[in-house]
Structures are given as C-alpha cells and as structure tokens.
Amino acid sequence: MPLWYVVGVLVMFSPEFATALSIQGEVSAGGALMYCYIGLSIGDLASGYLSQKMRSRKGAYIIFMVLSLASVISYFMLSGATASSFYTCVFFLGVFCGYWALFITMAAEQFGTNIRATVATTVPNFVRGSVVPITSSFMLLKESMGVLGSAAIVGAVTFSIAFIALYFTRETFHEDLDYIEA
C-alpha cells in the first residue's frame, strides 16, 4: 500500500504539494511521475539484489519500507526547496518504494503450490485497488486538514498497516516451498 500512497497521492498531486511546500519553480505531475518510475525500476532491481545478498526477503523488505518512510518524511520537509530538489526527492521515493517484485514474491511464497499462481495474480490487484480508498481518504480529509495534513494522516495509516502486515509475514528465503495448501 505505501507504494500506491506514494504514486497515487504524493506523486500524482505533486503540483499541489509543490504549492503547499513553497517549492521554487514549476513542478508537473508528469515530470514527477517520470522520476518516480525511474526510481521504481532501480528500486525493484536493488530490492531483489539486496534480498539475495542478505539471504532474507523479509529483511530486504524491512530495509526498503524504513527507507521509504524516511523518504516520505523528507518529502514533507522540502519547504522552500527548488523544483530539482523536489524531483530528486520524488526519484528517491520511487527507489525506496521499488520493492514490488519482492512483495509479489513474498506474497506468493506464503501459500502452497496449488494456489500460489492465484495469489501471485490476485494480491497485486488487491493492492492496486487500495489506491481508491487511499486517494478518496486523501481527498476527503484535504478539505478540512489541507494537502499536507491530509497526506500525513493517510500516509501514517498506510505505513502502519504495511508494517503490521510485514510483522506477521513469515520469512520464506531458502524454505522448501513444495507443498499443497490444505
């Protein structure tokens, strides 16, 4: 969910955030999306590589989640920065949210071979679907709390849910995955 919070709220509404943060220069959603997706591509490769080096999918995921949260906090602290600094931060938001392939792998490995393919195709759709309540919550709260306050609340809830889910996820690196779900 944090990935879709970052892309669906912080990046897609980046011109509004740039205004609220008094960013010097023009910021476009298209430009922010481009830098974010370049970062996501790099992050996807890096998170997979890190999980192999650490011999732990969960460990790499934790590192990327913590760095993702840190980059979101940095985004909120860009007050008065230049547009290029803003885009650089958006790039790092992408890098540290770039754990999509690792996430899908971990989700699929939680289940037996008889339903693993179903999980690998269904879980991403549930997460993609979360962008609707995430964005709706942001828009609903924005009227009373402003852009920054609304995004902070939605982000805190999103990251809290993700960290709780990660806590209850078991490590599957080097585990025998040849079993049938009962």
N, C-alpha and C. Protein backbone atom coordinates (compact mmCIF):
# COMPACT_ATOMS: atom_id res chain seq x y z
N MET A 1 0.79 -1.21 0.00
CA MET A 1 0.00 0.00 0.00
C MET A 1 0.83 1.29 0.00
N PRO A 2 1.97 1.32 0.71
CA PRO A 2 2.77 2.56 0.66
C PRO A 2 3.18 2.96 -0.76
N LEU A 3 3.45 1.98 -1.61
CA LEU A 3 3.80 2.29 -3.00
C LEU A 3 2.68 3.07 -3.67
N TRP A 4 1.45 2.63 -3.50
CA TRP A 4 0.33 3.29 -4.15
C TRP A 4 -0.03 4.60 -3.46
N TYR A 5 0.28 4.71 -2.19
CA TYR A 5 0.13 6.00 -1.50
C TYR A 5 1.11 7.00 -2.11
N VAL A 6 2.35 6.58 -2.27
CA VAL A 6 3.38 7.47 -2.84
C VAL A 6 3.01 7.88 -4.26
N VAL A 7 2.69 6.90 -5.11
CA VAL A 7 2.39 7.21 -6.51
C VAL A 7 1.03 7.91 -6.64
N GLY A 8 0.01 7.38 -5.97
CA GLY A 8 -1.34 7.89 -6.14
C GLY A 8 -1.62 9.21 -5.46
N VAL A 9 -0.86 9.53 -4.42
CA VAL A 9 -1.08 10.79 -3.70
C VAL A 9 0.11 11.73 -3.87
N LEU A 10 1.27 11.36 -3.34
CA LEU A 10 2.41 12.28 -3.32
C LEU A 10 2.91 12.65 -4.70
N VAL A 11 2.89 11.70 -5.63
CA VAL A 11 3.40 11.99 -6.97
C VAL A 11 2.32 12.57 -7.88
N MET A 12 1.16 11.96 -7.89
CA MET A 12 0.09 12.44 -8.80
C MET A 12 -0.40 13.84 -8.44
N PHE A 13 -0.37 14.17 -7.15
CA PHE A 13 -0.79 15.51 -6.73
C PHE A 13 0.41 16.41 -6.44
N SER A 14 1.56 16.09 -7.04
CA SER A 14 2.79 16.83 -6.77
C SER A 14 2.69 18.33 -7.03
N PRO A 15 1.95 18.80 -8.04
CA PRO A 15 1.84 20.26 -8.18
C PRO A 15 1.18 20.91 -6.95
N GLU A 16 0.18 20.25 -6.36
CA GLU A 16 -0.46 20.78 -5.16
C GLU A 16 0.50 20.77 -3.97
N PHE A 17 1.28 19.70 -3.86
CA PHE A 17 2.26 19.62 -2.78
C PHE A 17 3.35 20.67 -2.97
N ALA A 18 3.77 20.86 -4.22
CA ALA A 18 4.80 21.88 -4.51
C ALA A 18 4.32 23.25 -4.08
N THR A 19 3.07 23.56 -4.33
CA THR A 19 2.50 24.84 -3.91
C THR A 19 2.46 24.93 -2.38
N ALA A 20 1.97 23.87 -1.74
CA ALA A 20 1.86 23.86 -0.27
C ALA A 20 3.23 23.94 0.40
N LEU A 21 4.26 23.40 -0.26
CA LEU A 21 5.62 23.41 0.30
C LEU A 21 6.44 24.61 -0.17
N SER A 22 5.83 25.49 -0.94
CA SER A 22 6.51 26.67 -1.49
C SER A 22 7.77 26.30 -2.28
N ILE A 23 7.63 25.30 -3.14
CA ILE A 23 8.75 24.87 -3.98
C ILE A 23 9.05 25.95 -5.01
N GLN A 24 10.33 26.26 -5.18
CA GLN A 24 10.79 27.28 -6.12
C GLN A 24 10.84 26.69 -7.52
N GLY A 25 9.99 27.15 -8.42
CA GLY A 25 9.96 26.64 -9.78
C GLY A 25 8.70 25.82 -10.02
N GLU A 26 8.54 25.44 -11.27
CA GLU A 26 7.34 24.71 -11.67
C GLU A 26 7.53 23.20 -11.50
N VAL A 27 6.51 22.55 -10.94
CA VAL A 27 6.52 21.10 -10.77
C VAL A 27 5.29 20.55 -11.50
N SER A 28 5.52 19.55 -12.34
CA SER A 28 4.40 18.92 -13.06
C SER A 28 4.23 17.49 -12.58
N ALA A 29 3.00 17.03 -12.60
CA ALA A 29 2.71 15.64 -12.20
C ALA A 29 3.39 14.67 -13.16
N GLY A 30 3.42 15.00 -14.45
CA GLY A 30 4.07 14.13 -15.42
C GLY A 30 5.56 13.99 -15.18
N GLY A 31 6.21 15.10 -14.88
CA GLY A 31 7.65 15.05 -14.57
C GLY A 31 7.92 14.26 -13.31
N ALA A 32 7.10 14.48 -12.29
CA ALA A 32 7.26 13.75 -11.02
C ALA A 32 7.03 12.25 -11.24
N LEU A 33 6.04 11.92 -12.05
CA LEU A 33 5.74 10.51 -12.33
C LEU A 33 6.91 9.86 -13.05
N MET A 34 7.52 10.58 -14.00
CA MET A 34 8.67 10.04 -14.72
C MET A 34 9.82 9.73 -13.77
N TYR A 35 10.18 10.69 -12.92
CA TYR A 35 11.29 10.47 -11.98
C TYR A 35 10.97 9.36 -10.98
N CYS A 36 9.73 9.30 -10.54
CA CYS A 36 9.32 8.26 -9.61
C CYS A 36 9.46 6.88 -10.25
N TYR A 37 9.00 6.74 -11.48
CA TYR A 37 9.06 5.43 -12.14
C TYR A 37 10.48 5.02 -12.52
N ILE A 38 11.34 5.97 -12.79
CA ILE A 38 12.75 5.63 -12.99
C ILE A 38 13.30 5.07 -11.68
N GLY A 39 12.97 5.73 -10.57
CA GLY A 39 13.38 5.24 -9.26
C GLY A 39 12.79 3.88 -8.93
N LEU A 40 11.52 3.67 -9.27
CA LEU A 40 10.87 2.38 -9.01
C LEU A 40 11.59 1.25 -9.73
N SER A 41 12.01 1.49 -10.96
CA SER A 41 12.73 0.47 -11.73
C SER A 41 14.05 0.11 -11.06
N ILE A 42 14.77 1.12 -10.63
CA ILE A 42 16.05 0.89 -9.94
C ILE A 42 15.81 0.18 -8.61
N GLY A 43 14.80 0.63 -7.88
CA GLY A 43 14.49 0.02 -6.59
C GLY A 43 14.08 -1.43 -6.70
N ASP A 44 13.34 -1.76 -7.75
CA ASP A 44 12.93 -3.16 -7.94
C ASP A 44 14.14 -4.06 -8.11
N LEU A 45 15.10 -3.61 -8.91
CA LEU A 45 16.33 -4.39 -9.08
C LEU A 45 17.13 -4.45 -7.78
N ALA A 46 17.23 -3.31 -7.11
CA ALA A 46 18.03 -3.24 -5.89
C ALA A 46 17.44 -4.07 -4.76
N SER A 47 16.11 -4.07 -4.61
CA SER A 47 15.50 -4.83 -3.53
C SER A 47 15.67 -6.33 -3.75
N GLY A 48 15.56 -6.78 -5.00
CA GLY A 48 15.80 -8.19 -5.30
C GLY A 48 17.24 -8.59 -5.04
N TYR A 49 18.15 -7.73 -5.47
CA TYR A 49 19.58 -7.99 -5.26
C TYR A 49 19.89 -8.03 -3.76
N LEU A 50 19.35 -7.05 -3.02
CA LEU A 50 19.59 -7.00 -1.57
C LEU A 50 19.05 -8.24 -0.87
N SER A 51 17.87 -8.69 -1.27
CA SER A 51 17.30 -9.88 -0.62
C SER A 51 18.17 -11.11 -0.87
N GLN A 52 18.79 -11.18 -2.05
CA GLN A 52 19.69 -12.30 -2.34
C GLN A 52 20.97 -12.19 -1.53
N LYS A 53 21.52 -10.97 -1.45
CA LYS A 53 22.76 -10.77 -0.68
C LYS A 53 22.54 -11.02 0.81
N MET A 54 21.40 -10.58 1.32
CA MET A 54 21.10 -10.75 2.75
C MET A 54 20.61 -12.16 3.06
N ARG A 55 20.20 -12.87 2.01
CA ARG A 55 19.59 -14.19 2.15
C ARG A 55 18.31 -14.10 2.99
N SER A 56 17.59 -13.00 2.79
CA SER A 56 16.35 -12.75 3.52
C SER A 56 15.47 -11.80 2.72
N ARG A 57 14.32 -12.29 2.34
CA ARG A 57 13.37 -11.41 1.65
C ARG A 57 12.77 -10.40 2.63
N LYS A 58 12.42 -10.89 3.80
CA LYS A 58 11.79 -10.03 4.80
C LYS A 58 12.74 -8.94 5.27
N GLY A 59 14.01 -9.28 5.44
CA GLY A 59 15.00 -8.29 5.86
C GLY A 59 15.14 -7.17 4.84
N ALA A 60 15.22 -7.53 3.56
CA ALA A 60 15.33 -6.53 2.50
C ALA A 60 14.06 -5.68 2.45
N TYR A 61 12.93 -6.33 2.62
CA TYR A 61 11.64 -5.61 2.60
C TYR A 61 11.57 -4.60 3.74
N ILE A 62 12.01 -5.01 4.92
CA ILE A 62 12.03 -4.09 6.08
C ILE A 62 12.91 -2.87 5.77
N ILE A 63 14.09 -3.11 5.24
CA ILE A 63 15.00 -2.01 4.91
C ILE A 63 14.35 -1.05 3.92
N PHE A 64 13.73 -1.59 2.87
CA PHE A 64 13.10 -0.73 1.88
C PHE A 64 11.89 0.00 2.46
N MET A 65 11.14 -0.63 3.34
CA MET A 65 9.99 0.04 3.96
C MET A 65 10.46 1.20 4.85
N VAL A 66 11.50 0.97 5.63
CA VAL A 66 12.02 2.02 6.51
C VAL A 66 12.58 3.18 5.68
N LEU A 67 13.33 2.86 4.63
CA LEU A 67 13.86 3.91 3.75
C LEU A 67 12.74 4.64 3.00
N SER A 68 11.70 3.91 2.66
CA SER A 68 10.54 4.52 2.01
C SER A 68 9.87 5.51 2.95
N LEU A 69 9.68 5.11 4.20
CA LEU A 69 9.09 6.01 5.19
C LEU A 69 9.98 7.24 5.40
N ALA A 70 11.29 7.03 5.46
CA ALA A 70 12.22 8.15 5.63
C ALA A 70 12.15 9.10 4.44
N SER A 71 12.01 8.56 3.23
CA SER A 71 11.92 9.43 2.06
C SER A 71 10.60 10.19 2.02
N VAL A 72 9.53 9.59 2.53
CA VAL A 72 8.24 10.30 2.62
C VAL A 72 8.36 11.46 3.62
N ILE A 73 9.00 11.21 4.74
CA ILE A 73 9.21 12.27 5.74
C ILE A 73 10.06 13.39 5.13
N SER A 74 11.09 13.02 4.37
CA SER A 74 11.93 14.01 3.70
C SER A 74 11.12 14.85 2.71
N TYR A 75 10.19 14.21 2.02
CA TYR A 75 9.31 14.90 1.07
C TYR A 75 8.53 16.01 1.77
N PHE A 76 8.03 15.72 2.96
CA PHE A 76 7.26 16.71 3.71
C PHE A 76 8.13 17.83 4.28
N MET A 77 9.44 17.64 4.27
CA MET A 77 10.36 18.63 4.82
C MET A 77 11.02 19.48 3.73
N LEU A 78 10.50 19.44 2.51
CA LEU A 78 11.11 20.16 1.39
C LEU A 78 10.70 21.62 1.29
N SER A 79 10.13 22.17 2.31
CA SER A 79 9.62 23.53 2.28
C SER A 79 10.65 24.52 1.75
N GLY A 80 10.29 25.23 0.67
CA GLY A 80 11.16 26.24 0.09
C GLY A 80 12.25 25.71 -0.82
N ALA A 81 12.28 24.40 -1.07
CA ALA A 81 13.31 23.80 -1.92
C ALA A 81 13.08 24.15 -3.39
N THR A 82 14.06 23.84 -4.20
CA THR A 82 13.93 24.06 -5.64
C THR A 82 13.17 22.90 -6.28
N ALA A 83 12.70 23.14 -7.49
CA ALA A 83 11.99 22.08 -8.23
C ALA A 83 12.90 20.88 -8.48
N SER A 84 14.17 21.12 -8.75
CA SER A 84 15.09 19.99 -8.99
C SER A 84 15.29 19.17 -7.71
N SER A 85 15.32 19.83 -6.54
CA SER A 85 15.41 19.10 -5.27
C SER A 85 14.13 18.28 -5.04
N PHE A 86 13.01 18.86 -5.41
CA PHE A 86 11.72 18.17 -5.29
C PHE A 86 11.73 16.91 -6.16
N TYR A 87 12.14 17.05 -7.41
CA TYR A 87 12.19 15.90 -8.32
C TYR A 87 13.19 14.85 -7.84
N THR A 88 14.30 15.28 -7.26
CA THR A 88 15.28 14.34 -6.72
C THR A 88 14.66 13.54 -5.58
N CYS A 89 13.92 14.21 -4.73
CA CYS A 89 13.24 13.52 -3.63
C CYS A 89 12.21 12.53 -4.18
N VAL A 90 11.49 12.92 -5.21
CA VAL A 90 10.50 12.03 -5.82
C VAL A 90 11.19 10.81 -6.42
N PHE A 91 12.36 11.01 -7.03
CA PHE A 91 13.14 9.89 -7.55
C PHE A 91 13.47 8.91 -6.42
N PHE A 92 13.92 9.42 -5.26
CA PHE A 92 14.24 8.54 -4.14
C PHE A 92 12.99 7.91 -3.53
N LEU A 93 11.87 8.61 -3.57
CA LEU A 93 10.61 7.97 -3.19
C LEU A 93 10.40 6.72 -4.04
N GLY A 94 10.64 6.86 -5.33
CA GLY A 94 10.50 5.72 -6.24
C GLY A 94 11.48 4.61 -5.93
N VAL A 95 12.73 4.95 -5.73
CA VAL A 95 13.75 3.93 -5.45
C VAL A 95 13.35 3.12 -4.22
N PHE A 96 12.97 3.79 -3.15
CA PHE A 96 12.71 3.08 -1.90
C PHE A 96 11.33 2.45 -1.84
N CYS A 97 10.46 2.79 -2.79
CA CYS A 97 9.17 2.09 -2.92
C CYS A 97 9.28 1.00 -3.98
N GLY A 98 10.45 0.83 -4.54
CA GLY A 98 10.66 -0.14 -5.61
C GLY A 98 10.91 -1.54 -5.09
N TYR A 99 9.94 -2.08 -4.41
CA TYR A 99 10.06 -3.44 -3.90
C TYR A 99 8.87 -4.28 -4.36
N TRP A 100 8.26 -3.89 -5.47
CA TRP A 100 7.05 -4.55 -5.97
C TRP A 100 7.31 -6.02 -6.27
N ALA A 101 8.36 -6.34 -7.01
CA ALA A 101 8.65 -7.74 -7.35
C ALA A 101 8.94 -8.55 -6.09
N LEU A 102 9.65 -7.96 -5.15
CA LEU A 102 9.94 -8.63 -3.88
C LEU A 102 8.64 -8.88 -3.11
N PHE A 103 7.76 -7.90 -3.12
CA PHE A 103 6.46 -8.02 -2.45
C PHE A 103 5.64 -9.16 -3.04
N ILE A 104 5.56 -9.23 -4.37
CA ILE A 104 4.78 -10.28 -5.03
C ILE A 104 5.39 -11.65 -4.73
N THR A 105 6.70 -11.73 -4.76
CA THR A 105 7.39 -12.99 -4.47
C THR A 105 7.07 -13.44 -3.05
N MET A 106 7.20 -12.52 -2.10
CA MET A 106 6.92 -12.88 -0.70
C MET A 106 5.47 -13.30 -0.51
N ALA A 107 4.55 -12.60 -1.15
CA ALA A 107 3.13 -12.95 -1.01
C ALA A 107 2.86 -14.34 -1.57
N ALA A 108 3.39 -14.62 -2.75
CA ALA A 108 3.15 -15.92 -3.37
C ALA A 108 3.77 -17.05 -2.55
N GLU A 109 4.93 -16.81 -1.97
CA GLU A 109 5.62 -17.85 -1.21
C GLU A 109 4.96 -18.16 0.13
N GLN A 110 3.96 -17.41 0.51
CA GLN A 110 3.25 -17.68 1.76
C GLN A 110 2.26 -18.84 1.59
N PHE A 111 2.03 -19.28 0.35
CA PHE A 111 1.00 -20.26 0.06
C PHE A 111 1.55 -21.46 -0.68
N GLY A 112 0.81 -22.56 -0.64
CA GLY A 112 1.21 -23.80 -1.30
C GLY A 112 1.14 -23.69 -2.81
N THR A 113 1.76 -24.70 -3.47
CA THR A 113 1.85 -24.68 -4.92
C THR A 113 0.51 -24.73 -5.62
N ASN A 114 -0.51 -25.28 -4.96
CA ASN A 114 -1.81 -25.38 -5.61
C ASN A 114 -2.53 -24.04 -5.76
N ILE A 115 -2.18 -23.05 -4.96
CA ILE A 115 -2.83 -21.73 -5.10
C ILE A 115 -1.82 -20.58 -5.26
N ARG A 116 -0.56 -20.91 -5.39
CA ARG A 116 0.48 -19.88 -5.48
C ARG A 116 0.29 -18.96 -6.69
N ALA A 117 -0.05 -19.51 -7.83
CA ALA A 117 -0.25 -18.68 -9.03
C ALA A 117 -1.45 -17.75 -8.85
N THR A 118 -2.49 -18.24 -8.20
CA THR A 118 -3.66 -17.41 -7.94
C THR A 118 -3.29 -16.24 -7.03
N VAL A 119 -2.52 -16.53 -6.01
CA VAL A 119 -2.07 -15.48 -5.09
C VAL A 119 -1.20 -14.46 -5.83
N ALA A 120 -0.29 -14.96 -6.66
CA ALA A 120 0.63 -14.06 -7.38
C ALA A 120 -0.10 -13.11 -8.32
N THR A 121 -1.29 -13.49 -8.78
CA THR A 121 -2.05 -12.59 -9.66
C THR A 121 -3.11 -11.80 -8.91
N THR A 122 -3.60 -12.31 -7.79
CA THR A 122 -4.67 -11.64 -7.06
C THR A 122 -4.15 -10.57 -6.10
N VAL A 123 -3.10 -10.86 -5.38
CA VAL A 123 -2.56 -9.92 -4.38
C VAL A 123 -2.22 -8.56 -5.01
N PRO A 124 -1.53 -8.52 -6.16
CA PRO A 124 -1.24 -7.20 -6.75
C PRO A 124 -2.51 -6.41 -7.07
N ASN A 125 -3.57 -7.12 -7.47
CA ASN A 125 -4.81 -6.42 -7.78
C ASN A 125 -5.47 -5.85 -6.53
N PHE A 126 -5.40 -6.58 -5.42
CA PHE A 126 -5.92 -6.04 -4.17
C PHE A 126 -5.15 -4.78 -3.76
N VAL A 127 -3.84 -4.84 -3.91
CA VAL A 127 -3.01 -3.69 -3.53
C VAL A 127 -3.26 -2.52 -4.48
N ARG A 128 -3.33 -2.80 -5.78
CA ARG A 128 -3.65 -1.73 -6.74
C ARG A 128 -5.01 -1.12 -6.43
N GLY A 129 -5.95 -1.96 -6.02
CA GLY A 129 -7.28 -1.49 -5.66
C GLY A 129 -7.29 -0.58 -4.44
N SER A 130 -6.25 -0.70 -3.61
CA SER A 130 -6.17 0.13 -2.40
C SER A 130 -5.97 1.60 -2.74
N VAL A 131 -5.56 1.90 -3.99
CA VAL A 131 -5.37 3.30 -4.36
C VAL A 131 -6.70 4.06 -4.31
N VAL A 132 -7.82 3.36 -4.48
CA VAL A 132 -9.12 4.03 -4.43
C VAL A 132 -9.43 4.54 -3.02
N PRO A 133 -9.39 3.70 -1.98
CA PRO A 133 -9.63 4.26 -0.64
C PRO A 133 -8.52 5.21 -0.17
N ILE A 134 -7.29 4.97 -0.60
CA ILE A 134 -6.19 5.87 -0.22
C ILE A 134 -6.43 7.26 -0.80
N THR A 135 -6.69 7.33 -2.10
CA THR A 135 -6.92 8.62 -2.74
C THR A 135 -8.20 9.27 -2.25
N SER A 136 -9.25 8.47 -2.09
CA SER A 136 -10.53 9.01 -1.59
C SER A 136 -10.37 9.59 -0.20
N SER A 137 -9.65 8.90 0.66
CA SER A 137 -9.40 9.40 2.03
C SER A 137 -8.62 10.72 1.98
N PHE A 138 -7.61 10.75 1.14
CA PHE A 138 -6.82 11.97 0.97
C PHE A 138 -7.71 13.13 0.54
N MET A 139 -8.54 12.90 -0.48
CA MET A 139 -9.41 13.96 -1.00
C MET A 139 -10.44 14.40 0.05
N LEU A 140 -10.97 13.45 0.80
CA LEU A 140 -11.97 13.76 1.82
C LEU A 140 -11.36 14.60 2.94
N LEU A 141 -10.18 14.22 3.41
CA LEU A 141 -9.53 14.92 4.51
C LEU A 141 -8.90 16.25 4.07
N LYS A 142 -8.60 16.37 2.78
CA LYS A 142 -7.92 17.56 2.26
C LYS A 142 -8.72 18.84 2.52
N GLU A 143 -10.03 18.75 2.45
CA GLU A 143 -10.85 19.94 2.64
C GLU A 143 -10.73 20.51 4.05
N SER A 144 -10.64 19.63 5.05
CA SER A 144 -10.57 20.12 6.43
C SER A 144 -9.15 20.24 6.97
N MET A 145 -8.22 19.44 6.45
CA MET A 145 -6.86 19.40 7.01
C MET A 145 -5.80 20.00 6.08
N GLY A 146 -6.18 20.32 4.88
CA GLY A 146 -5.21 20.81 3.91
C GLY A 146 -4.46 19.67 3.25
N VAL A 147 -3.69 19.99 2.24
CA VAL A 147 -2.97 18.99 1.45
C VAL A 147 -1.96 18.23 2.32
N LEU A 148 -1.14 18.96 3.06
CA LEU A 148 -0.08 18.32 3.84
C LEU A 148 -0.63 17.50 5.01
N GLY A 149 -1.60 18.05 5.73
CA GLY A 149 -2.18 17.34 6.87
C GLY A 149 -2.90 16.08 6.44
N SER A 150 -3.66 16.18 5.37
CA SER A 150 -4.39 15.03 4.85
C SER A 150 -3.43 13.93 4.40
N ALA A 151 -2.42 14.31 3.66
CA ALA A 151 -1.44 13.34 3.17
C ALA A 151 -0.68 12.69 4.33
N ALA A 152 -0.38 13.46 5.37
CA ALA A 152 0.34 12.91 6.52
C ALA A 152 -0.51 11.86 7.23
N ILE A 153 -1.79 12.14 7.43
CA ILE A 153 -2.68 11.18 8.10
C ILE A 153 -2.83 9.92 7.26
N VAL A 154 -3.12 10.07 5.98
CA VAL A 154 -3.29 8.91 5.10
C VAL A 154 -1.99 8.11 5.02
N GLY A 155 -0.87 8.79 4.94
CA GLY A 155 0.43 8.10 4.91
C GLY A 155 0.70 7.34 6.19
N ALA A 156 0.39 7.94 7.34
CA ALA A 156 0.62 7.26 8.62
C ALA A 156 -0.22 5.99 8.72
N VAL A 157 -1.46 6.06 8.29
CA VAL A 157 -2.33 4.88 8.32
C VAL A 157 -1.82 3.81 7.35
N THR A 158 -1.46 4.24 6.15
CA THR A 158 -0.97 3.31 5.13
C THR A 158 0.29 2.59 5.58
N PHE A 159 1.26 3.34 6.07
CA PHE A 159 2.51 2.71 6.52
C PHE A 159 2.29 1.84 7.76
N SER A 160 1.40 2.26 8.65
CA SER A 160 1.10 1.44 9.84
C SER A 160 0.54 0.08 9.43
N ILE A 161 -0.41 0.08 8.52
CA ILE A 161 -0.98 -1.18 8.03
C ILE A 161 0.10 -2.04 7.40
N ALA A 162 0.97 -1.44 6.60
CA ALA A 162 2.03 -2.19 5.92
C ALA A 162 3.02 -2.79 6.92
N PHE A 163 3.42 -2.03 7.93
CA PHE A 163 4.36 -2.55 8.92
C PHE A 163 3.73 -3.66 9.76
N ILE A 164 2.46 -3.53 10.09
CA ILE A 164 1.77 -4.59 10.84
C ILE A 164 1.70 -5.86 9.99
N ALA A 165 1.33 -5.72 8.73
CA ALA A 165 1.28 -6.88 7.83
C ALA A 165 2.65 -7.53 7.68
N LEU A 166 3.68 -6.72 7.57
CA LEU A 166 5.04 -7.24 7.43
C LEU A 166 5.47 -7.99 8.68
N TYR A 167 5.08 -7.51 9.82
CA TYR A 167 5.41 -8.19 11.09
C TYR A 167 4.88 -9.62 11.10
N PHE A 168 3.69 -9.82 10.56
CA PHE A 168 3.06 -11.14 10.58
C PHE A 168 3.40 -12.00 9.37
N THR A 169 4.24 -11.49 8.48
CA THR A 169 4.65 -12.26 7.30
C THR A 169 5.87 -13.09 7.66
N ARG A 170 5.84 -14.35 7.28
CA ARG A 170 6.98 -15.22 7.60
C ARG A 170 8.06 -15.13 6.52
N GLU A 171 9.29 -15.37 6.94
CA GLU A 171 10.43 -15.39 6.02
C GLU A 171 10.35 -16.67 5.20
N THR A 172 10.56 -16.58 3.90
CA THR A 172 10.48 -17.76 3.03
C THR A 172 11.78 -18.04 2.28
N PHE A 173 12.81 -17.23 2.51
CA PHE A 173 14.07 -17.44 1.79
C PHE A 173 14.64 -18.79 2.19
N HIS A 174 14.98 -19.61 1.22
CA HIS A 174 15.55 -20.95 1.40
C HIS A 174 14.61 -21.92 2.11
N GLU A 175 13.32 -21.63 2.09
CA GLU A 175 12.35 -22.54 2.67
C GLU A 175 11.85 -23.48 1.58
N ASP A 176 11.55 -24.73 1.91
CA ASP A 176 11.00 -25.66 0.95
C ASP A 176 9.57 -25.23 0.64
N LEU A 177 9.33 -24.84 -0.59
CA LEU A 177 8.02 -24.34 -0.99
C LEU A 177 7.19 -25.37 -1.75
N ASP A 178 7.64 -26.60 -1.77
CA ASP A 178 6.94 -27.66 -2.48
C ASP A 178 5.94 -28.33 -1.53
N TYR A 179 4.80 -27.67 -1.35
CA TYR A 179 3.74 -28.23 -0.51
C TYR A 179 2.38 -27.79 -1.05
N ILE A 180 1.37 -28.50 -0.66
CA ILE A 180 0.00 -28.21 -1.11
C ILE A 180 -0.76 -27.58 0.05
N GLU A 181 -1.51 -26.54 -0.27
CA GLU A 181 -2.33 -25.85 0.72
C GLU A 181 -3.56 -26.72 1.04
N ALA A 182 -3.80 -26.92 2.31
CA ALA A 182 -4.94 -27.78 2.70
C ALA A 182 -6.25 -27.05 2.65
